[in-house]
Protein backbone atom coordinates (compact mmCIF):
# COMPACT_ATOMS: atom_id res chain seq x y z
CA MET A 1 0.00 0.00 0.00
CA GLY A 2 1.02 3.60 -0.40
CA LYS A 3 3.88 4.98 -2.43
CA VAL A 4 6.62 3.08 -4.18
CA CYS A 5 9.65 5.34 -4.42
CA GLY A 6 11.98 5.42 -7.37
CA SER A 7 11.74 6.74 -10.91
CA PHE A 8 11.63 3.36 -12.68
CA ILE A 9 8.99 3.31 -15.40
CA ALA A 10 7.66 -0.10 -16.42
CA LYS A 11 7.19 -0.91 -20.06
CA ILE A 12 3.90 0.68 -21.03
CA GLN A 13 1.65 -1.46 -23.22
CA ASN A 14 -1.72 0.13 -22.55
CA MET A 15 -3.33 3.57 -22.70
CA ILE A 16 -1.82 6.45 -20.76
CA ILE A 17 -4.36 8.79 -19.21
CA PHE A 18 -3.40 11.95 -17.37
CA GLY A 19 -4.78 14.91 -15.46
CA ILE A 20 -6.16 14.95 -11.92
CA HIS A 21 -9.89 14.62 -12.69
CA ALA A 22 -9.45 11.87 -15.28
CA CYS A 23 -7.07 9.87 -13.08
CA LYS A 24 -9.10 10.33 -9.90
CA SER A 25 -12.18 9.04 -11.72
CA ALA A 26 -10.28 6.05 -13.16
CA ILE A 27 -9.06 5.10 -9.68
CA LYS A 28 -12.64 5.23 -8.41
CA TYR A 29 -14.40 3.44 -11.27
CA LYS A 30 -11.74 1.50 -13.21
CA ARG A 31 -9.31 0.49 -10.49
CA ASP A 32 -8.98 -3.14 -11.55
CA ALA A 33 -7.82 -2.05 -15.02
CA ILE A 34 -5.00 0.16 -13.73
CA LYS A 35 -1.48 -1.21 -14.31
CA ASN A 36 0.67 1.64 -12.94
CA VAL A 37 0.22 5.10 -11.46
CA PHE A 38 2.98 7.65 -12.04
CA LEU A 39 3.17 10.70 -9.82
CA LEU A 40 5.35 13.80 -9.80
CA ASP A 41 7.08 14.10 -6.42
CA ASN A 42 5.53 16.66 -4.03
CA ASN A 43 2.35 16.85 -6.12
CA LYS A 44 -0.07 18.41 -3.63
CA GLY A 45 -2.97 18.11 -6.06
CA CYS A 46 -2.80 14.32 -5.81
CA ARG A 47 -3.17 13.95 -2.07
CA PHE A 48 -6.38 12.04 -2.74
CA LEU A 49 -4.15 9.01 -3.40
CA GLN A 50 -3.02 8.83 0.21
CA ASN A 51 -6.07 7.00 1.53
CA THR A 52 -6.89 4.89 -1.53
CA GLY A 53 -4.37 2.11 -1.00
CA VAL A 54 -3.26 2.53 -4.61
CA GLN A 55 0.44 2.02 -5.21
CA TYR A 56 2.24 4.61 -7.28
CA ARG A 57 5.70 5.47 -8.51
CA TYR A 58 7.37 8.84 -8.10
CA CYS A 59 8.70 10.18 -11.39
CA THR A 60 10.48 13.25 -12.65
CA LYS A 61 8.64 15.80 -14.75
CA SER A 62 10.61 14.78 -17.84
CA GLU A 63 9.62 11.15 -17.33
CA ILE A 64 5.92 11.98 -17.16
CA ASN A 65 6.33 14.35 -20.10
CA SER A 66 7.71 11.45 -22.13
CA MET A 67 4.51 9.43 -21.54
CA VAL A 68 2.00 12.03 -22.69
CA PRO A 69 1.53 14.12 -25.87
CA LYS A 70 3.82 17.10 -26.33
CA ASN A 71 2.71 20.14 -24.28
CA ALA A 72 -0.06 18.14 -22.57
CA VAL A 73 -1.11 19.53 -19.19
CA HIS A 74 -0.75 16.35 -17.13
CA GLN A 75 -0.90 18.04 -13.69
CA GLY A 76 1.81 15.73 -12.40
CA ILE A 77 -0.06 12.44 -12.67
CA ALA A 78 -0.39 9.72 -15.32
CA ILE A 79 -1.90 6.25 -15.28
CA ASP A 80 -1.12 3.22 -17.42
CA ILE A 81 -4.53 1.55 -17.87
CA ASP A 82 -5.95 -1.31 -19.90
CA ASP A 83 -7.90 0.53 -22.60
CA ASP A 84 -10.28 -2.39 -23.19
CA VAL A 85 -12.15 -1.28 -20.07
CA TYR A 86 -13.45 1.79 -21.93
CA TYR A 87 -15.15 -0.03 -24.82
CA SER A 88 -18.58 -1.62 -25.11
CA ASN A 89 -20.34 -3.68 -27.78
CA ILE A 90 -23.35 -2.16 -29.56
CA ASP A 91 -25.52 -4.95 -28.16
CA ILE A 92 -25.32 -3.21 -24.79
CA PHE A 93 -27.98 -0.82 -26.10
CA LYS A 94 -30.44 -3.64 -26.74
CA ASN A 95 -31.97 -3.76 -23.28
CA CYS A 96 -31.45 -0.21 -22.06
CA CYS A 97 -34.35 1.66 -20.47
CA ASP A 98 -37.23 3.18 -22.46
CA ASN A 99 -35.91 6.74 -22.08
CA CYS A 100 -32.31 5.92 -23.00
CA VAL A 101 -30.42 8.57 -24.99
CA ILE A 102 -27.33 7.85 -27.08
CA ILE A 103 -25.20 9.85 -29.49
CA ILE A 104 -23.67 8.87 -32.82
CA LEU A 105 -20.69 10.93 -34.01
CA ASP A 106 -20.15 10.87 -37.76
CA GLY A 107 -16.61 11.96 -38.60
CA VAL A 108 -15.73 13.98 -35.47
CA ASN A 109 -11.93 13.96 -35.41
CA ASP A 110 -10.91 16.58 -32.86
CA PRO A 111 -9.94 15.01 -29.50
CA HIS A 112 -10.98 18.04 -27.47
CA ASN A 113 -14.40 18.06 -29.13
CA LEU A 114 -14.82 14.35 -28.43
CA GLY A 115 -13.76 14.85 -24.83
CA ALA A 116 -16.19 17.75 -24.37
CA ILE A 117 -18.99 15.67 -25.91
CA ILE A 118 -18.29 12.79 -23.53
CA ARG A 119 -18.33 15.24 -20.61
CA SER A 120 -21.70 16.68 -21.67
CA ALA A 121 -23.11 13.20 -22.26
CA ALA A 122 -22.15 12.17 -18.74
CA ALA A 123 -23.45 15.40 -17.21
CA PHE A 124 -26.88 14.98 -18.83
CA GLY A 125 -27.05 11.24 -18.16
CA ALA A 126 -26.84 10.04 -21.77
CA TYR A 127 -26.26 6.30 -21.89
CA GLY A 128 -23.61 6.04 -24.56
CA ILE A 129 -21.70 7.28 -27.60
CA ILE A 130 -21.11 5.44 -30.87
CA VAL A 131 -18.29 6.32 -33.28
CA PRO A 132 -17.11 4.67 -36.52
CA GLU A 133 -13.88 2.70 -36.58
CA HIS A 134 -12.49 4.86 -39.38
CA ASP A 135 -12.58 8.63 -39.96
CA SER A 136 -13.10 9.33 -36.28
CA CYS A 137 -11.04 10.50 -33.35
CA LYS A 138 -9.62 7.61 -31.36
CA LEU A 139 -10.15 7.34 -27.64
CA ASN A 140 -6.88 8.42 -26.02
CA GLY A 141 -5.45 10.26 -23.04
CA THR A 142 -6.17 13.69 -24.50
CA VAL A 143 -9.83 12.80 -25.04
CA ILE A 144 -10.18 11.33 -21.56
CA LYS A 145 -8.58 14.36 -19.90
CA ALA A 146 -10.94 16.69 -21.79
CA ALA A 147 -13.84 14.50 -20.63
CA SER A 148 -12.78 15.18 -17.03
CA GLY A 149 -13.94 11.79 -15.75
CA GLY A 150 -17.06 11.65 -17.93
CA ILE A 151 -15.81 8.56 -19.79
CA ASP A 152 -16.43 6.51 -16.65
CA HIS A 153 -20.17 7.29 -16.73
CA ILE A 154 -21.08 6.35 -20.31
CA LYS A 155 -20.80 3.42 -22.71
CA PHE A 156 -18.36 4.03 -25.58
CA CYS A 157 -18.84 1.92 -28.68
CA VAL A 158 -16.77 1.71 -31.88
CA VAL A 159 -18.48 0.16 -34.92
CA LYS A 160 -17.25 -0.79 -38.38
CA ASN A 161 -20.28 0.64 -40.18
CA LEU A 162 -22.59 3.41 -38.98
CA ALA A 163 -25.40 2.45 -41.35
CA SER A 164 -25.49 -1.05 -39.88
CA ALA A 165 -25.35 0.39 -36.37
CA ILE A 166 -28.32 2.67 -37.09
CA LYS A 167 -30.30 -0.27 -38.46
CA LYS A 168 -29.58 -2.26 -35.32
CA LEU A 169 -30.57 0.65 -33.06
CA LYS A 170 -33.91 0.87 -34.85
CA GLU A 171 -34.42 -2.82 -34.14
CA TYR A 172 -33.75 -2.01 -30.49
CA GLY A 173 -36.53 0.59 -30.54
CA PHE A 174 -34.59 3.82 -30.98
CA TRP A 175 -35.83 6.87 -32.89
CA ILE A 176 -32.96 8.34 -34.93
CA PHE A 177 -32.57 12.12 -35.19
CA ALA A 178 -29.88 13.44 -37.54
CA THR A 179 -28.87 17.06 -37.05
CA CYS A 180 -28.73 19.18 -40.18
CA GLU A 181 -28.52 22.95 -40.73
CA THR A 182 -30.96 22.75 -43.65
CA ALA A 183 -33.59 20.73 -41.78
CA THR A 184 -37.02 22.33 -41.58
CA GLU A 185 -37.81 20.99 -38.11
CA ASN A 186 -36.40 22.83 -35.10
CA ILE A 187 -35.21 20.59 -32.28
CA ASN A 188 -37.17 22.75 -29.82
CA ASN A 189 -40.39 21.83 -31.61
CA THR A 190 -39.61 18.13 -31.95
CA ARG A 191 -41.00 15.62 -29.47
CA LEU A 192 -38.01 13.87 -27.95
CA ARG A 193 -39.36 10.97 -25.93
CA GLY A 194 -38.57 7.29 -25.60
CA LYS A 195 -35.35 5.73 -26.83
CA THR A 196 -33.58 8.56 -28.63
CA CYS A 197 -30.44 8.63 -30.75
CA PHE A 198 -28.91 11.85 -32.09
CA ILE A 199 -26.44 11.88 -34.99
CA PHE A 200 -23.93 14.72 -35.15
CA GLY A 201 -21.41 15.25 -37.92
CA ALA A 202 -18.07 16.98 -38.28
CA GLU A 203 -18.18 20.76 -38.23
CA GLU A 204 -16.89 21.04 -41.79
CA THR A 205 -19.07 18.44 -43.48
CA GLY A 206 -21.94 17.73 -41.11
CA VAL A 207 -23.79 14.42 -41.01
CA ARG A 208 -23.11 12.45 -44.17
CA ARG A 209 -25.81 11.65 -46.73
CA LEU A 210 -26.23 7.97 -45.91
CA GLN A 211 -26.73 8.67 -42.22
CA LYS A 212 -29.33 11.33 -43.05
CA GLU A 213 -31.18 8.90 -45.29
CA ASN A 214 -31.20 6.26 -42.57
CA ALA A 215 -32.45 8.67 -39.90
CA ASP A 216 -36.12 8.89 -38.95
CA PHE A 217 -36.03 12.68 -38.65
CA LEU A 218 -33.81 15.61 -39.61
CA VAL A 219 -33.65 18.38 -37.01
CA LYS A 220 -31.75 21.63 -36.63
CA ILE A 221 -30.67 23.84 -33.76
CA ASN A 222 -31.76 27.43 -34.30
CA THR A 223 -28.90 29.93 -34.23
CA ASN A 224 -28.46 33.58 -35.13
CA SER A 225 -29.17 33.95 -38.85
CA SER A 226 -26.10 36.15 -39.26
CA PHE A 227 -23.79 33.63 -37.55
CA GLN A 228 -24.88 30.01 -37.73
CA THR A 229 -21.61 28.24 -36.94
CA LEU A 230 -21.88 26.10 -33.80
CA ASN A 231 -19.20 23.88 -32.30
CA VAL A 232 -20.26 20.23 -32.41
CA SER A 233 -19.68 19.73 -28.70
CA ASN A 234 -21.94 22.70 -27.95
CA ALA A 235 -24.57 21.32 -30.32
CA VAL A 236 -24.55 18.00 -28.47
CA ALA A 237 -24.97 19.75 -25.13
CA ILE A 238 -27.91 21.78 -26.45
CA ALA A 239 -29.64 18.67 -27.80
CA LEU A 240 -29.19 16.77 -24.54
CA TYR A 241 -30.46 19.73 -22.55
CA GLU A 242 -33.51 19.92 -24.81
CA VAL A 243 -34.38 16.29 -24.06
CA SER A 244 -34.08 17.02 -20.35
CA ARG A 245 -36.14 20.21 -20.65
CA GLN A 246 -38.96 18.52 -22.51
CA ASN A 247 -39.15 15.71 -20.04
CA SER A 248 -39.07 18.05 -17.07
CA GLN A 249 -42.06 19.90 -18.46
CA ALA A 250 -43.94 16.67 -19.17
CA ASP A 251 -43.23 14.73 -15.98
CA SER A 252 -41.77 17.28 -13.56
CA LYS A 253 -38.72 15.04 -13.25
CA PRO A 254 -35.57 14.46 -15.35
CA LEU A 255 -35.80 12.14 -18.33
CA PHE A 256 -32.69 10.37 -17.17
CA SER A 257 -30.58 10.37 -14.03
CA ILE A 258 -27.64 12.76 -13.85
CA HIS A 259 -24.37 11.42 -12.44
């Protein structure tokens, strides 16, 4: 128990996550998947480790810097963790509750956007996020730090084909809403009840044609007519808030639990 002194760094074969919030959450929710914890000596921000019983190694700043992306703000802590613990199979959505909400991301490649989306999804109690295997940001330490612990409260699923995933979600009882700037239906005027899946595209290209064709509805988020550009992570947060707002008005209670 407690600290293990010395700057030796074991051979890292898994994902490196970093940052206080991300690492604290991993220790709480993914402890069995943790292989090593690396800590900068005299790191007062990581005193939470003292009573956890988690073993950790003291490292120099340069050693931790070598584990994380260049110029990453690691806050003096990094964890070597089995990345399999973060992934789920699409079948996990088969038996989710009747008011389950999930998000499909079509071509979102920016890690900070993905991290912010995961954080919003966790904050509003969304059940999961689906991304394609190709042409999508990979789950990594930068994403998990930006998510600030949110990754430990959602299901994250990578699929080979989004069209097939959408078809399967429909079989599971989901209504599919693709977001589109040219849609005629405003999300505020759309009934968002039951099993709901939103599709969001990359900021440059939006949701691709095939995903739009496979959706049940096209919806838009109203913005200022003179400036319609909206960051995808902000768009996701607005959509999730709208689901919560509608349900609160209908039932006087949240549509889904908030972590």
